Protein backbone atom coordinates (compact mmCIF):
# COMPACT_ATOMS: atom_id res chain seq x y z
CA MET A 1 20.74 -17.47 18.93
CA SER A 2 22.18 -17.44 15.54
CA GLN A 3 22.74 -14.24 13.38
CA SER A 4 19.89 -14.99 11.39
CA ASP A 5 17.81 -15.47 14.12
CA ARG A 6 18.51 -12.63 16.25
CA GLY A 7 18.02 -10.25 12.66
CA GLU A 8 14.67 -11.91 12.46
CA GLU A 9 13.44 -11.06 15.98
CA PHE A 10 14.91 -7.44 15.30
CA TRP A 11 12.77 -7.28 12.25
CA ARG A 12 9.69 -8.88 13.89
CA ASN A 13 10.00 -6.27 16.74
CA PHE A 14 10.19 -3.37 14.61
CA LEU A 15 7.54 -4.21 12.47
CA GLU A 16 4.85 -5.12 15.47
CA GLN A 17 5.97 -2.22 17.87
CA GLY A 18 2.81 -0.14 16.54
CA GLY A 19 1.86 3.02 15.49
CA ASP A 20 2.81 4.89 18.66
CA THR A 21 6.75 4.13 18.28
CA TRP A 22 8.98 7.06 17.48
CA LYS A 23 9.06 6.20 13.70
CA GLY A 24 4.85 5.89 13.78
CA ILE A 25 4.47 9.23 15.74
CA GLY A 26 7.38 10.80 13.70
CA ARG A 27 5.81 10.00 10.46
CA GLN A 28 1.95 11.45 12.05
CA VAL A 29 4.13 14.31 12.05
CA LEU A 30 5.79 14.36 8.85
CA LYS A 31 3.18 13.64 7.03
CA ARG A 32 0.89 16.87 7.92
CA ILE A 33 4.20 18.95 5.97
CA PRO A 34 2.55 19.57 2.59
CA ALA A 35 5.23 18.01 0.34
CA ASP A 36 5.20 15.73 -2.82
CA PRO A 37 7.49 13.59 -3.14
CA ARG A 38 8.13 12.66 0.03
CA CYS A 39 9.96 9.18 1.44
CA ARG A 40 7.59 6.02 1.88
CA MET A 41 8.54 5.15 5.24
CA CYS A 42 9.31 7.97 7.52
CA ALA A 43 6.89 10.45 5.42
CA SER A 44 9.95 13.02 5.35
CA PRO A 45 8.98 15.73 2.72
CA PHE A 46 11.96 16.12 -0.13
CA GLN A 47 10.03 19.27 -1.33
CA GLY A 48 8.38 22.44 0.42
CA PRO A 49 9.09 24.25 3.19
CA GLY A 50 9.99 21.29 5.43
CA ALA A 51 12.36 20.14 3.22
CA PRO A 52 15.47 22.52 4.66
CA LEU A 53 15.02 21.14 8.10
CA MET A 54 14.87 17.05 7.35
CA ARG A 55 18.13 18.01 5.18
CA LEU A 56 19.78 19.68 8.35
CA ILE A 57 18.55 16.37 10.50
CA GLY A 58 20.20 14.07 7.67
CA LYS A 59 16.96 13.45 6.11
CA ARG A 60 17.27 14.29 2.15
CA GLN A 61 16.26 12.39 -0.90
CA SER A 62 18.41 9.24 -1.37
CA ASP A 63 20.46 9.27 -5.09
CA ALA A 64 20.25 5.53 -4.77
CA ASN A 65 16.42 5.39 -4.61
CA PRO A 66 14.35 8.56 -4.92
CA ASN A 67 11.48 6.78 -2.99
CA TRP A 68 13.65 6.90 0.26
CA CYS A 69 15.22 9.43 2.41
CA THR A 70 19.20 8.97 3.26
CA SER A 71 18.49 8.02 6.50
CA CYS A 72 15.62 4.88 5.99
CA ILE A 73 18.02 3.66 3.41
CA ASP A 74 21.10 3.80 5.71
CA PHE A 75 18.70 1.93 8.44
CA MET A 76 17.62 -0.89 5.76
CA ALA A 77 20.86 -1.34 4.31
CA LYS A 78 22.36 -1.77 8.34
CA HIS A 79 19.66 -4.20 9.18
CA HIS A 80 19.08 -5.97 5.97
CA GLY A 81 16.48 -8.73 6.85
CA GLY A 82 12.96 -9.42 7.59
CA ALA A 83 10.47 -11.49 9.55
CA GLU A 84 6.91 -13.03 9.48
CA VAL A 85 4.57 -10.73 10.42
CA ASP A 86 0.52 -10.22 10.47
CA GLY A 87 -0.03 -7.47 8.02
CA ALA A 88 -2.97 -6.42 5.41
CA MET A 89 -2.07 -6.01 1.79
CA LEU A 90 -4.11 -3.61 -1.01
CA PHE A 91 -3.99 -4.16 -4.46
CA ALA A 92 -5.85 -1.43 -7.04
CA ASP A 93 -5.50 -1.31 -10.61
CA ILE A 94 -7.23 0.46 -13.44
CA ARG A 95 -9.74 -1.75 -15.11
CA GLY A 96 -9.52 -1.73 -19.09
CA SER A 97 -5.98 0.34 -19.31
CA THR A 98 -5.09 -1.48 -22.58
CA ALA A 99 -8.57 -0.34 -24.36
CA LEU A 100 -8.25 3.43 -22.55
CA ALA A 101 -4.60 3.43 -23.76
CA GLU A 102 -5.93 2.63 -27.27
CA ARG A 103 -8.29 5.43 -27.63
CA MET A 104 -5.89 7.97 -25.88
CA ALA A 105 -2.60 9.79 -27.14
CA PRO A 106 0.66 8.62 -25.45
CA GLY A 107 0.84 11.78 -23.71
CA GLN A 108 -2.51 11.84 -22.52
CA TYR A 109 -2.28 8.36 -20.65
CA HIS A 110 1.03 8.91 -19.40
CA ALA A 111 -0.74 11.93 -17.73
CA LEU A 112 -3.71 9.91 -16.60
CA LEU A 113 -1.39 7.70 -15.01
CA ASN A 114 0.80 10.06 -13.25
CA ARG A 115 -2.60 11.51 -11.84
CA TYR A 116 -3.97 8.10 -10.86
CA PHE A 117 -0.40 7.48 -9.09
CA ALA A 118 -0.26 10.66 -6.92
CA THR A 119 -4.09 10.15 -5.85
CA ALA A 120 -3.46 6.50 -4.83
CA THR A 121 -0.13 7.64 -3.09
CA SER A 122 -2.03 10.48 -1.03
CA VAL A 123 -4.50 8.04 -0.25
CA VAL A 124 -2.30 5.16 1.31
CA PHE A 125 -0.61 7.84 3.24
CA LYS A 126 -3.97 9.01 4.73
CA HIS A 127 -4.75 5.83 5.81
CA ASP A 128 -0.97 5.07 7.21
CA GLY A 129 -0.01 2.55 4.96
CA TYR A 130 3.00 1.86 2.95
CA VAL A 131 3.15 2.45 -0.72
CA ASP A 132 5.31 -0.69 -1.98
CA LYS A 133 5.22 0.11 -5.68
CA PHE A 134 3.65 0.53 -8.89
CA VAL A 135 3.63 -2.21 -11.21
CA GLY A 136 2.40 -1.07 -14.44
CA ASP A 137 -1.24 0.27 -13.58
CA GLU A 138 -1.54 -1.65 -10.40
CA LEU A 139 -1.03 -0.11 -6.68
CA VAL A 140 0.84 -2.56 -4.23
CA ALA A 141 0.01 -1.02 -0.44
CA LEU A 142 1.00 -2.50 2.36
CA PHE A 143 -0.50 -1.83 6.19
CA PHE A 144 1.61 -3.25 9.31
CA PRO A 145 1.32 -2.22 13.04
CA LEU A 146 4.53 -0.16 12.76
CA LEU A 147 3.08 2.70 10.37
CA THR A 148 -0.56 1.99 10.55
CA GLY A 149 -1.33 0.79 14.33
CA GLU A 150 -3.37 -1.90 15.42
CA ARG A 151 -6.08 -1.71 13.23
CA PHE A 152 -4.16 -1.91 10.35
CA VAL A 153 -6.62 -4.25 8.49
CA ALA A 154 -9.43 -1.75 8.75
CA ARG A 155 -7.27 1.10 7.68
CA ALA A 156 -6.67 -0.95 4.67
CA VAL A 157 -10.27 -1.26 3.43
CA ALA A 158 -10.70 2.03 4.22
CA ALA A 159 -7.86 3.18 1.98
CA ALA A 160 -9.34 0.96 -0.54
CA GLN A 161 -12.67 2.30 -0.28
CA ASP A 162 -10.98 6.12 -0.45
CA LEU A 163 -9.47 5.35 -3.53
CA LEU A 164 -12.36 4.88 -5.35
CA ARG A 165 -14.21 7.86 -4.16
CA ALA A 166 -11.06 9.82 -5.21
CA THR A 167 -11.11 8.48 -8.72
CA GLY A 168 -14.56 9.40 -8.76
CA HIS A 169 -16.80 6.34 -8.31
CA ASP A 170 -19.23 8.15 -6.47
CA GLU A 171 -19.68 11.09 -8.72
CA PRO A 172 -22.77 11.70 -10.90
CA GLY A 173 -20.88 11.21 -14.00
CA GLY A 174 -18.79 8.27 -13.26
CA PRO A 175 -15.17 7.75 -12.28
CA TRP A 176 -12.09 9.77 -14.27
CA VAL A 177 -10.46 6.50 -14.24
CA PRO A 178 -12.58 3.21 -13.62
CA VAL A 179 -10.72 1.32 -10.68
CA GLY A 180 -11.01 -2.21 -9.22
CA ALA A 181 -9.27 -3.24 -5.85
CA GLY A 182 -8.53 -6.30 -3.56
CA VAL A 183 -7.67 -6.44 -0.05
CA HIS A 184 -6.39 -9.56 2.18
CA ALA A 185 -4.76 -9.89 5.71
CA GLY A 186 -2.96 -12.36 6.97
CA LYS A 187 0.63 -13.69 7.84
CA ALA A 188 3.39 -12.18 5.07
CA TRP A 189 7.29 -11.99 5.10
CA PHE A 190 8.14 -8.08 5.55
CA GLY A 191 11.61 -7.29 5.00
CA ILE A 192 14.22 -5.66 3.01
CA VAL A 193 15.00 -7.22 -0.76
CA GLY A 194 17.99 -6.46 -3.09
CA GLU A 195 21.46 -5.75 -2.34
CA GLY A 196 23.66 -2.84 -2.25
CA SER A 197 22.14 0.39 -2.80
CA HIS A 198 19.08 -1.31 -4.33
CA ILE A 199 17.02 -2.21 -1.85
CA GLU A 200 13.34 -1.76 -1.05
CA LEU A 201 10.99 -2.68 2.18
CA THR A 202 8.36 -5.53 0.75
CA ALA A 203 6.18 -8.23 1.86
CA VAL A 204 5.99 -11.90 0.13
CA GLY A 205 3.78 -15.09 0.68
CA ASP A 206 0.37 -16.65 -0.08
CA THR A 207 -1.49 -13.62 1.49
CA VAL A 208 0.09 -10.88 -0.93
CA ASN A 209 -0.84 -13.15 -3.87
CA VAL A 210 -4.24 -13.70 -2.50
CA ALA A 211 -4.83 -9.74 -2.52
CA ALA A 212 -3.39 -9.53 -6.13
CA ARG A 213 -5.89 -11.98 -7.19
CA LEU A 214 -8.84 -10.27 -5.70
CA ALA A 215 -7.92 -7.08 -7.30
CA ALA A 216 -7.72 -9.10 -10.82
CA ALA A 217 -10.96 -10.09 -9.72
CA ALA A 218 -12.85 -7.25 -8.74
CA GLY A 219 -14.63 -5.03 -11.45
CA PRO A 220 -14.64 -1.14 -11.62
CA GLY A 221 -15.87 0.15 -8.21
CA GLU A 222 -15.25 -2.54 -6.34
CA VAL A 223 -13.30 -3.46 -3.67
CA LEU A 224 -13.17 -7.45 -3.06
CA VAL A 225 -12.09 -8.34 0.49
CA SER A 226 -11.31 -11.61 1.52
CA ALA A 227 -13.69 -12.93 4.82
CA ASP A 228 -10.59 -12.72 7.17
CA ALA A 229 -9.99 -9.18 6.75
CA ALA A 230 -13.46 -8.15 6.49
CA ALA A 231 -13.79 -10.05 9.94
CA ALA A 232 -11.36 -7.92 10.98
CA SER A 233 -12.29 -4.50 9.54
CA ASP A 234 -15.47 -2.45 10.14
CA LEU A 235 -17.39 -4.19 7.59
CA ASP A 236 -20.90 -4.74 7.78
CA ALA A 237 -21.48 -8.44 8.45
CA ASP A 238 -24.74 -8.47 5.93
CA MET A 239 -22.36 -6.90 3.01
CA PRO A 240 -22.98 -9.47 -0.31
CA ARG A 241 -20.84 -12.16 0.20
CA ARG A 242 -19.52 -14.98 -2.76
CA SER A 243 -17.41 -17.67 -3.43
CA LEU A 244 -14.64 -17.40 -5.92
CA GLU A 245 -11.93 -19.77 -7.34
CA LEU A 246 -8.60 -17.59 -7.99
CA LYS A 247 -5.85 -18.63 -10.30
CA GLY A 248 -3.19 -20.48 -8.52
CA LYS A 249 -5.66 -21.43 -5.56
CA SER A 250 -6.74 -25.07 -4.99
CA GLY A 251 -9.98 -24.12 -3.08
CA SER A 252 -12.22 -21.67 -3.06
CA THR A 253 -11.97 -17.88 -1.41
CA GLU A 254 -15.08 -16.39 0.08
CA VAL A 255 -14.89 -12.63 -0.09
CA VAL A 256 -17.16 -9.46 0.66
CA SER A 257 -18.04 -7.09 -2.28
CA VAL A 258 -17.84 -3.61 -1.18
CA ARG A 259 -19.11 -1.17 -3.89
CA VAL A 260 -18.64 2.48 -4.39
CA GLY A 261 -21.17 4.22 -6.61
CA ALA A 262 -23.18 2.64 -9.16
CA GLY A 263 -20.29 -0.06 -10.70
């Protein structure tokens, strides 16, 4: 077996072990310690009462990448690579962000984005997902067996719904920020990208692209869930369905529309 094959085998086993592994169990414990910010992978707190203990065991906020602890950065640098595994992707972004920014002072808009980022991060962690990145005002979150357990698709869909509730879409006065989301599931390449200290855990592939397209097509207060993801989650089989022509896709994509609030 080549070194590349051994690396892929390592990552496949690592990513598919499930939430009952040492890393999954440890994350369940650490995420209950009140703290913000924290490590995106292991949930080690960087501030608050748990931070001194984390530093004692080698888990401090990395100077190279403040989203990770030094322990997880060292692990990723040592095991650079990845593998194709099943996962679920959640994309969510603010609807009409350009118009919002036009109506607000720059400082106000910055505060709104920070509130949205903090809310989205909290929701993703609650459902044992991984915040891949924020691109502009778009959240990219990943759900896979290592962190989320076997029901990773259902957890991704539930996280999307909770994000819309957390942004006020089910409130009588409407949301404090309008958000639409998309969820898709399937095979993707999960692994480490970048070089040196500038490394990240991410996912790439058509499954990721479809999730992004679904989020772009969703209206305020709506989660568009691909039919495959809906079948693997807890959604009612009688929920509204429609076919969409997604940008860059040769055929139509069947989706389930999940609404939170009046929409």
